[in-house]
Each structure stands twice: as C-alpha cells, then as structure tokens.
PDB file of N, CA and C in Angstrom:
ATOM      1  N   MET A   1       0.840  -1.191   0.000  1.00  0.00           N
ATOM      2  CA  MET A   1       0.000   0.000   0.000  1.00  0.00           C
ATOM      3  C   MET A   1       0.879   1.245   0.000  1.00  0.00           C
ATOM      4  N   ASP A   2       0.397   2.270  -0.620  1.00  0.00           N
ATOM      5  CA  ASP A   2       1.101   3.541  -0.684  1.00  0.00           C
ATOM      6  C   ASP A   2       0.840   4.322   0.606  1.00  0.00           C
ATOM      7  N   PRO A   3       1.907   4.703   1.345  1.00  0.00           N
ATOM      8  CA  PRO A   3       1.713   5.395   2.628  1.00  0.00           C
ATOM      9  C   PRO A   3       0.969   6.722   2.510  1.00  0.00           C
ATOM     10  N   ILE A   4       1.092   7.391   1.377  1.00  0.00           N
ATOM     11  CA  ILE A   4       0.403   8.675   1.211  1.00  0.00           C
ATOM     12  C   ILE A   4      -1.057   8.460   0.849  1.00  0.00           C
ATOM     13  N   LYS A   5      -1.318   7.623  -0.131  1.00  0.00           N
ATOM     14  CA  LYS A   5      -2.684   7.407  -0.609  1.00  0.00           C
ATOM     15  C   LYS A   5      -3.494   6.496   0.309  1.00  0.00           C
ATOM     16  N   ASP A   6      -2.830   5.547   0.940  1.00  0.00           N
ATOM     17  CA  ASP A   6      -3.537   4.527   1.710  1.00  0.00           C
ATOM     18  C   ASP A   6      -3.284   4.612   3.208  1.00  0.00           C
ATOM     19  N   GLY A   7      -2.956   5.803   3.702  1.00  0.00           N
ATOM     20  CA  GLY A   7      -2.633   5.970   5.119  1.00  0.00           C
ATOM     21  C   GLY A   7      -3.702   5.437   6.047  1.00  0.00           C
ATOM     22  N   ALA A   8      -4.956   5.758   5.767  1.00  0.00           N
ATOM     23  CA  ALA A   8      -6.049   5.302   6.635  1.00  0.00           C
ATOM     24  C   ALA A   8      -6.156   3.781   6.619  1.00  0.00           C
ATOM     25  N   LYS A   9      -5.998   3.168   5.454  1.00  0.00           N
ATOM     26  CA  LYS A   9      -6.059   1.706   5.358  1.00  0.00           C
ATOM     27  C   LYS A   9      -4.927   1.067   6.158  1.00  0.00           C
ATOM     28  N   ILE A  10      -3.740   1.656   6.071  1.00  0.00           N
ATOM     29  CA  ILE A  10      -2.589   1.120   6.789  1.00  0.00           C
ATOM     30  C   ILE A  10      -2.826   1.179   8.294  1.00  0.00           C
ATOM     31  N   PHE A  11      -3.269   2.337   8.792  1.00  0.00           N
ATOM     32  CA  PHE A  11      -3.504   2.467  10.232  1.00  0.00           C
ATOM     33  C   PHE A  11      -4.659   1.581  10.685  1.00  0.00           C
ATOM     34  N   ASN A  12      -5.691   1.428   9.860  1.00  0.00           N
ATOM     35  CA  ASN A  12      -6.798   0.530  10.218  1.00  0.00           C
ATOM     36  C   ASN A  12      -6.318  -0.917  10.295  1.00  0.00           C
ATOM     37  N   LYS A  13      -5.433  -1.314   9.376  1.00  0.00           N
ATOM     38  CA  LYS A  13      -4.888  -2.675   9.412  1.00  0.00           C
ATOM     39  C   LYS A  13      -4.087  -2.893  10.695  1.00  0.00           C
ATOM     40  N   ILE A  14      -3.252  -1.919  11.051  1.00  0.00           N
ATOM     41  CA  ILE A  14      -2.459  -2.034  12.277  1.00  0.00           C
ATOM     42  C   ILE A  14      -3.373  -2.047  13.496  1.00  0.00           C
ATOM     43  N   HIS A  15      -4.419  -1.243  13.458  1.00  0.00           N
ATOM     44  CA  HIS A  15      -5.388  -1.217  14.557  1.00  0.00           C
ATOM     45  C   HIS A  15      -6.027  -2.587  14.736  1.00  0.00           C
ATOM     46  N   GLU A  16      -6.386  -3.232  13.626  1.00  0.00           N
ATOM     47  CA  GLU A  16      -6.963  -4.573  13.707  1.00  0.00           C
ATOM     48  C   GLU A  16      -5.963  -5.569  14.297  1.00  0.00           C
ATOM     49  N   LEU A  17      -4.689  -5.435  13.921  1.00  0.00           N
ATOM     50  CA  LEU A  17      -3.668  -6.348  14.423  1.00  0.00           C
ATOM     51  C   LEU A  17      -3.380  -6.139  15.906  1.00  0.00           C
ATOM     52  N   THR A  18      -3.393  -4.884  16.351  1.00  0.00           N
ATOM     53  CA  THR A  18      -3.079  -4.608  17.754  1.00  0.00           C
ATOM     54  C   THR A  18      -4.317  -4.649  18.633  1.00  0.00           C
ATOM     55  N   GLY A  19      -5.467  -4.304  18.063  1.00  0.00           N
ATOM     56  CA  GLY A  19      -6.707  -4.312  18.826  1.00  0.00           C
ATOM     57  C   GLY A  19      -6.782  -3.221  19.880  1.00  0.00           C
ATOM     58  N   LYS A  20      -6.009  -2.151  19.692  1.00  0.00           N
ATOM     59  CA  LYS A  20      -5.972  -1.079  20.688  1.00  0.00           C
ATOM     60  C   LYS A  20      -6.442   0.244  20.099  1.00  0.00           C
ATOM     61  N   ASP A  21      -7.287   0.952  20.854  1.00  0.00           N
ATOM     62  CA  ASP A  21      -7.658   2.312  20.485  1.00  0.00           C
ATOM     63  C   ASP A  21      -6.704   3.327  21.099  1.00  0.00           C
ATOM     64  N   LEU A  22      -6.098   2.959  22.214  1.00  0.00           N
ATOM     65  CA  LEU A  22      -5.176   3.837  22.925  1.00  0.00           C
ATOM     66  C   LEU A  22      -4.007   2.998  23.414  1.00  0.00           C
ATOM     67  N   ILE A  23      -2.802   3.427  23.092  1.00  0.00           N
ATOM     68  CA  ILE A  23      -1.608   2.699  23.531  1.00  0.00           C
ATOM     69  C   ILE A  23      -0.960   3.486  24.662  1.00  0.00           C
ATOM     70  N   THR A  24      -0.897   2.854  25.819  1.00  0.00           N
ATOM     71  CA  THR A  24      -0.255   3.494  26.970  1.00  0.00           C
ATOM     72  C   THR A  24       0.927   2.675  27.488  1.00  0.00           C
ATOM     73  N   ASP A  25       1.057   1.455  27.017  1.00  0.00           N
ATOM     74  CA  ASP A  25       2.140   0.572  27.435  1.00  0.00           C
ATOM     75  C   ASP A  25       3.253   0.630  26.383  1.00  0.00           C
ATOM     76  N   THR A  26       4.496   0.817  26.819  1.00  0.00           N
ATOM     77  CA  THR A  26       5.597   0.965  25.865  1.00  0.00           C
ATOM     78  C   THR A  26       5.873  -0.324  25.090  1.00  0.00           C
ATOM     79  N   ASN A  27       5.555  -1.475  25.646  1.00  0.00           N
ATOM     80  CA  ASN A  27       5.719  -2.724  24.900  1.00  0.00           C
ATOM     81  C   ASN A  27       4.712  -2.799  23.750  1.00  0.00           C
ATOM     82  N   GLU A  28       3.501  -2.339  23.993  1.00  0.00           N
ATOM     83  CA  GLU A  28       2.501  -2.277  22.926  1.00  0.00           C
ATOM     84  C   GLU A  28       2.891  -1.236  21.883  1.00  0.00           C
ATOM     85  N   LEU A  29       3.486  -0.124  22.339  1.00  0.00           N
ATOM     86  CA  LEU A  29       3.964   0.901  21.417  1.00  0.00           C
ATOM     87  C   LEU A  29       5.062   0.331  20.517  1.00  0.00           C
ATOM     88  N   GLU A  30       5.933  -0.466  21.088  1.00  0.00           N
ATOM     89  CA  GLU A  30       7.006  -1.097  20.309  1.00  0.00           C
ATOM     90  C   GLU A  30       6.411  -1.998  19.216  1.00  0.00           C
ATOM     91  N   THR A  31       5.395  -2.763  19.564  1.00  0.00           N
ATOM     92  CA  THR A  31       4.709  -3.607  18.582  1.00  0.00           C
ATOM     93  C   THR A  31       4.099  -2.752  17.482  1.00  0.00           C
ATOM     94  N   PHE A  32       3.409  -1.671  17.883  1.00  0.00           N
ATOM     95  CA  PHE A  32       2.789  -0.772  16.915  1.00  0.00           C
ATOM     96  C   PHE A  32       3.827  -0.186  15.961  1.00  0.00           C
ATOM     97  N   MET A  33       4.930   0.318  16.497  1.00  0.00           N
ATOM     98  CA  MET A  33       5.962   0.935  15.660  1.00  0.00           C
ATOM     99  C   MET A  33       6.576  -0.071  14.692  1.00  0.00           C
ATOM    100  N   ASN A  34       6.824  -1.285  15.159  1.00  0.00           N
ATOM    101  CA  ASN A  34       7.367  -2.310  14.278  1.00  0.00           C
ATOM    102  C   ASN A  34       6.397  -2.641  13.145  1.00  0.00           C
ATOM    103  N   LEU A  35       5.116  -2.755  13.467  1.00  0.00           N
ATOM    104  CA  LEU A  35       4.105  -3.002  12.435  1.00  0.00           C
ATOM    105  C   LEU A  35       4.016  -1.838  11.460  1.00  0.00           C
ATOM    106  N   LEU A  36       4.058  -0.611  11.988  1.00  0.00           N
ATOM    107  CA  LEU A  36       3.981   0.570  11.138  1.00  0.00           C
ATOM    108  C   LEU A  36       5.150   0.610  10.150  1.00  0.00           C
ATOM    109  N   ILE A  37       6.353   0.444  10.658  1.00  0.00           N
ATOM    110  CA  ILE A  37       7.526   0.488   9.778  1.00  0.00           C
ATOM    111  C   ILE A  37       7.481  -0.644   8.761  1.00  0.00           C
ATOM    112  N   GLU A  38       7.028  -1.816   9.186  1.00  0.00           N
ATOM    113  CA  GLU A  38       6.917  -2.945   8.260  1.00  0.00           C
ATOM    114  C   GLU A  38       5.932  -2.637   7.138  1.00  0.00           C
ATOM    115  N   GLU A  39       4.790  -2.069   7.486  1.00  0.00           N
ATOM    116  CA  GLU A  39       3.749  -1.786   6.497  1.00  0.00           C
ATOM    117  C   GLU A  39       4.128  -0.663   5.535  1.00  0.00           C
ATOM    118  N   ILE A  40       4.806   0.359   6.037  1.00  0.00           N
ATOM    119  CA  ILE A  40       5.079   1.529   5.193  1.00  0.00           C
ATOM    120  C   ILE A  40       6.523   1.584   4.715  1.00  0.00           C
ATOM    121  N   LYS A  41       7.312   0.585   5.096  1.00  0.00           N
ATOM    122  CA  LYS A  41       8.736   0.552   4.720  1.00  0.00           C
ATOM    123  C   LYS A  41       9.444   1.830   5.155  1.00  0.00           C
ATOM    124  N   GLY A  42       8.946   2.452   6.222  1.00  0.00           N
ATOM    125  CA  GLY A  42       9.552   3.659   6.759  1.00  0.00           C
ATOM    126  C   GLY A  42       9.051   4.943   6.130  1.00  0.00           C
ATOM    127  N   TRP A  43       8.410   4.869   4.962  1.00  0.00           N
ATOM    128  CA  TRP A  43       8.005   6.074   4.244  1.00  0.00           C
ATOM    129  C   TRP A  43       6.729   6.679   4.814  1.00  0.00           C
ATOM    130  N   VAL A  44       6.898   7.720   5.592  1.00  0.00           N
ATOM    131  CA  VAL A  44       5.764   8.430   6.180  1.00  0.00           C
ATOM    132  C   VAL A  44       6.233   9.822   6.571  1.00  0.00           C
ATOM    133  N   ILE A  45       5.369  10.784   6.471  1.00  0.00           N
ATOM    134  CA  ILE A  45       5.702  12.134   6.897  1.00  0.00           C
ATOM    135  C   ILE A  45       5.471  12.192   8.401  1.00  0.00           C
ATOM    136  N   VAL A  46       6.544  12.432   9.160  1.00  0.00           N
ATOM    137  CA  VAL A  46       6.415  12.385  10.611  1.00  0.00           C
ATOM    138  C   VAL A  46       6.499  13.752  11.276  1.00  0.00           C
ATOM    139  N   ASN A  47       6.960  14.767  10.557  1.00  0.00           N
ATOM    140  CA  ASN A  47       7.139  16.053  11.227  1.00  0.00           C
ATOM    141  C   ASN A  47       6.101  17.097  10.833  1.00  0.00           C
ATOM    142  N   PHE A  48       5.480  16.958   9.685  1.00  0.00           N
ATOM    143  CA  PHE A  48       4.392  17.850   9.296  1.00  0.00           C
ATOM    144  C   PHE A  48       3.676  17.251   8.098  1.00  0.00           C
ATOM    145  N   LEU A  49       2.481  17.745   7.831  1.00  0.00           N
ATOM    146  CA  LEU A  49       1.725  17.230   6.693  1.00  0.00           C
ATOM    147  C   LEU A  49       2.309  17.780   5.409  1.00  0.00           C
ATOM    148  N   ASP A  50       2.710  16.888   4.539  1.00  0.00           N
ATOM    149  CA  ASP A  50       3.373  17.268   3.303  1.00  0.00           C
ATOM    150  C   ASP A  50       3.191  16.124   2.318  1.00  0.00           C
ATOM    151  N   THR A  51       2.932  16.420   1.101  1.00  0.00           N
ATOM    152  CA  THR A  51       2.787  15.356   0.115  1.00  0.00           C
ATOM    153  C   THR A  51       4.061  15.150  -0.685  1.00  0.00           C
ATOM    154  N   GLY A  52       5.140  15.796  -0.278  1.00  0.00           N
ATOM    155  CA  GLY A  52       6.402  15.640  -0.981  1.00  0.00           C
ATOM    156  C   GLY A  52       7.049  14.290  -0.774  1.00  0.00           C
ATOM    157  N   ASN A  53       6.659  13.583   0.288  1.00  0.00           N
ATOM    158  CA  ASN A  53       7.160  12.246   0.569  1.00  0.00           C
ATOM    159  C   ASN A  53       8.683  12.192   0.558  1.00  0.00           C
ATOM    160  N   TRP A  54       9.313  13.100   1.275  1.00  0.00           N
ATOM    161  CA  TRP A  54      10.776  13.185   1.245  1.00  0.00           C
ATOM    162  C   TRP A  54      11.454  12.744   2.524  1.00  0.00           C
ATOM    163  N   ASP A  55      10.703  12.341   3.510  1.00  0.00           N
ATOM    164  CA  ASP A  55      11.358  11.861   4.723  1.00  0.00           C
ATOM    165  C   ASP A  55      10.872  10.458   5.062  1.00  0.00           C
ATOM    166  N   ARG A  56      11.638   9.803   5.908  1.00  0.00           N
ATOM    167  CA  ARG A  56      11.363   8.402   6.174  1.00  0.00           C
ATOM    168  C   ARG A  56      11.836   8.026   7.565  1.00  0.00           C
ATOM    169  N   ILE A  57      11.055   7.204   8.265  1.00  0.00           N
ATOM    170  CA  ILE A  57      11.475   6.681   9.564  1.00  0.00           C
ATOM    171  C   ILE A  57      12.543   5.629   9.307  1.00  0.00           C
ATOM    172  N   ASP A  58      13.693   5.802   9.927  1.00  0.00           N
ATOM    173  CA  ASP A  58      14.750   4.795   9.805  1.00  0.00           C
ATOM    174  C   ASP A  58      14.710   3.820  10.974  1.00  0.00           C
ATOM    175  N   THR A  59      14.722   4.342  12.179  1.00  0.00           N
ATOM    176  CA  THR A  59      14.728   3.503  13.374  1.00  0.00           C
ATOM    177  C   THR A  59      13.942   4.196  14.473  1.00  0.00           C
ATOM    178  N   PHE A  60      13.736   3.486  15.552  1.00  0.00           N
ATOM    179  CA  PHE A  60      13.139   4.087  16.735  1.00  0.00           C
ATOM    180  C   PHE A  60      13.708   3.389  17.953  1.00  0.00           C
ATOM    181  N   GLU A  61      13.662   4.072  19.058  1.00  0.00           N
ATOM    182  CA  GLU A  61      14.052   3.499  20.348  1.00  0.00           C
ATOM    183  C   GLU A  61      12.968   3.840  21.351  1.00  0.00           C
ATOM    184  N   ILE A  62      12.747   2.940  22.277  1.00  0.00           N
ATOM    185  CA  ILE A  62      11.779   3.199  23.340  1.00  0.00           C
ATOM    186  C   ILE A  62      12.514   3.102  24.668  1.00  0.00           C
ATOM    187  N   ASP A  63      12.387   4.162  25.449  1.00  0.00           N
ATOM    188  CA  ASP A  63      12.888   4.173  26.818  1.00  0.00           C
ATOM    189  C   ASP A  63      11.728   3.679  27.680  1.00  0.00           C
ATOM    190  N   HIS A  64      11.691   2.370  27.902  1.00  0.00           N
ATOM    191  CA  HIS A  64      10.569   1.769  28.628  1.00  0.00           C
ATOM    192  C   HIS A  64      10.461   2.314  30.049  1.00  0.00           C
ATOM    193  N   LYS A  65      11.585   2.578  30.669  1.00  0.00           N
ATOM    194  CA  LYS A  65      11.584   3.054  32.056  1.00  0.00           C
ATOM    195  C   LYS A  65      10.893   4.413  32.188  1.00  0.00           C
ATOM    196  N   ASN A  66      11.181   5.326  31.237  1.00  0.00           N
ATOM    197  CA  ASN A  66      10.625   6.673  31.309  1.00  0.00           C
ATOM    198  C   ASN A  66       9.439   6.895  30.369  1.00  0.00           C
ATOM    199  N   GLY A  67       9.066   5.860  29.603  1.00  0.00           N
ATOM    200  CA  GLY A  67       7.897   5.963  28.724  1.00  0.00           C
ATOM    201  C   GLY A  67       8.083   6.936  27.577  1.00  0.00           C
ATOM    202  N   ARG A  68       9.275   6.926  26.976  1.00  0.00           N
ATOM    203  CA  ARG A  68       9.554   7.858  25.882  1.00  0.00           C
ATOM    204  C   ARG A  68       9.874   7.123  24.591  1.00  0.00           C
ATOM    205  N   LEU A  69       9.415   7.699  23.501  1.00  0.00           N
ATOM    206  CA  LEU A  69       9.667   7.180  22.168  1.00  0.00           C
ATOM    207  C   LEU A  69      10.580   8.152  21.441  1.00  0.00           C
ATOM    208  N   PHE A  70      11.663   7.637  20.875  1.00  0.00           N
ATOM    209  CA  PHE A  70      12.583   8.440  20.075  1.00  0.00           C
ATOM    210  C   PHE A  70      12.520   7.918  18.645  1.00  0.00           C
ATOM    211  N   ILE A  71      12.202   8.793  17.706  1.00  0.00           N
ATOM    212  CA  ILE A  71      12.109   8.412  16.300  1.00  0.00           C
ATOM    213  C   ILE A  71      13.274   9.043  15.550  1.00  0.00           C
ATOM    214  N   ASN A  72      13.970   8.229  14.780  1.00  0.00           N
ATOM    215  CA  ASN A  72      15.067   8.703  13.954  1.00  0.00           C
ATOM    216  C   ASN A  72      14.598   8.680  12.500  1.00  0.00           C
ATOM    217  N   TRP A  73      14.489   9.866  11.912  1.00  0.00           N
ATOM    218  CA  TRP A  73      14.109   9.904  10.502  1.00  0.00           C
ATOM    219  C   TRP A  73      15.086  10.777   9.741  1.00  0.00           C
ATOM    220  N   HIS A  74      15.100  10.597   8.426  1.00  0.00           N
ATOM    221  CA  HIS A  74      16.049  11.291   7.569  1.00  0.00           C
ATOM    222  C   HIS A  74      15.343  12.020   6.446  1.00  0.00           C
ATOM    223  N   ASP A  75      15.934  13.109   6.058  1.00  0.00           N
ATOM    224  CA  ASP A  75      15.495  13.896   4.915  1.00  0.00           C
ATOM    225  C   ASP A  75      16.218  13.338   3.691  1.00  0.00           C
ATOM    226  N   TYR A  76      15.448  12.807   2.739  1.00  0.00           N
ATOM    227  CA  TYR A  76      16.029  12.179   1.559  1.00  0.00           C
ATOM    228  C   TYR A  76      15.909  13.030   0.293  1.00  0.00           C
ATOM    229  N   ARG A  77      15.665  14.323   0.433  1.00  0.00           N
ATOM    230  CA  ARG A  77      15.519  15.162  -0.760  1.00  0.00           C
ATOM    231  C   ARG A  77      16.813  15.263  -1.566  1.00  0.00           C
ATOM    232  N   ASN A  78      17.947  15.150  -0.921  1.00  0.00           N
ATOM    233  CA  ASN A  78      19.212  15.314  -1.616  1.00  0.00           C
ATOM    234  C   ASN A  78      19.818  13.986  -2.081  1.00  0.00           C
ATOM    235  N   LYS A  79      19.086  12.909  -1.996  1.00  0.00           N
ATOM    236  CA  LYS A  79      19.632  11.594  -2.397  1.00  0.00           C
ATOM    237  C   LYS A  79      18.962  11.107  -3.642  1.00  0.00           C
TER     238      LYS A  79
END
C-alpha cells in the first residue's frame, strides 16, 4: 500500500492487528511501531503534513523506564 494514498487503510490494518484504540504501554507501542515500519517501509511524513514524501522513519528506540519514544528519521531530498 502507498503510505500517502492509503494511510487510513494502513492504520486501520495495524489497529486490527493490535486491537488497541489507545496505547499506553511501551511494549505495545514497540509492537505498533514495528508493524507501522513494516507496512510503510519507513516512508511516512512524521514532522508535518506534506505530500512531498521526502522523509522516512529509519529507526526508533523506546525508553521503557521513562515511557519515551525516540524516532530517527532522515530527509532524503538530496539523495
């Protein structure tokens, strides 16, 4: 599926797989992020709404102790 055109379908599919309307547990968040990256191959606009499709999630880390998510994404306009 195309992350720009099929965003709602992708999130609905992940919602069906996780069965959660609200994620408050970092282990569930880790599952969600892994499914998201798998489905979109990292291609998603994460910092603002833009149809240029020039950035991509590369990796993420979860600080389970403090409940924080760190997303590493790159600007690919120059590649």
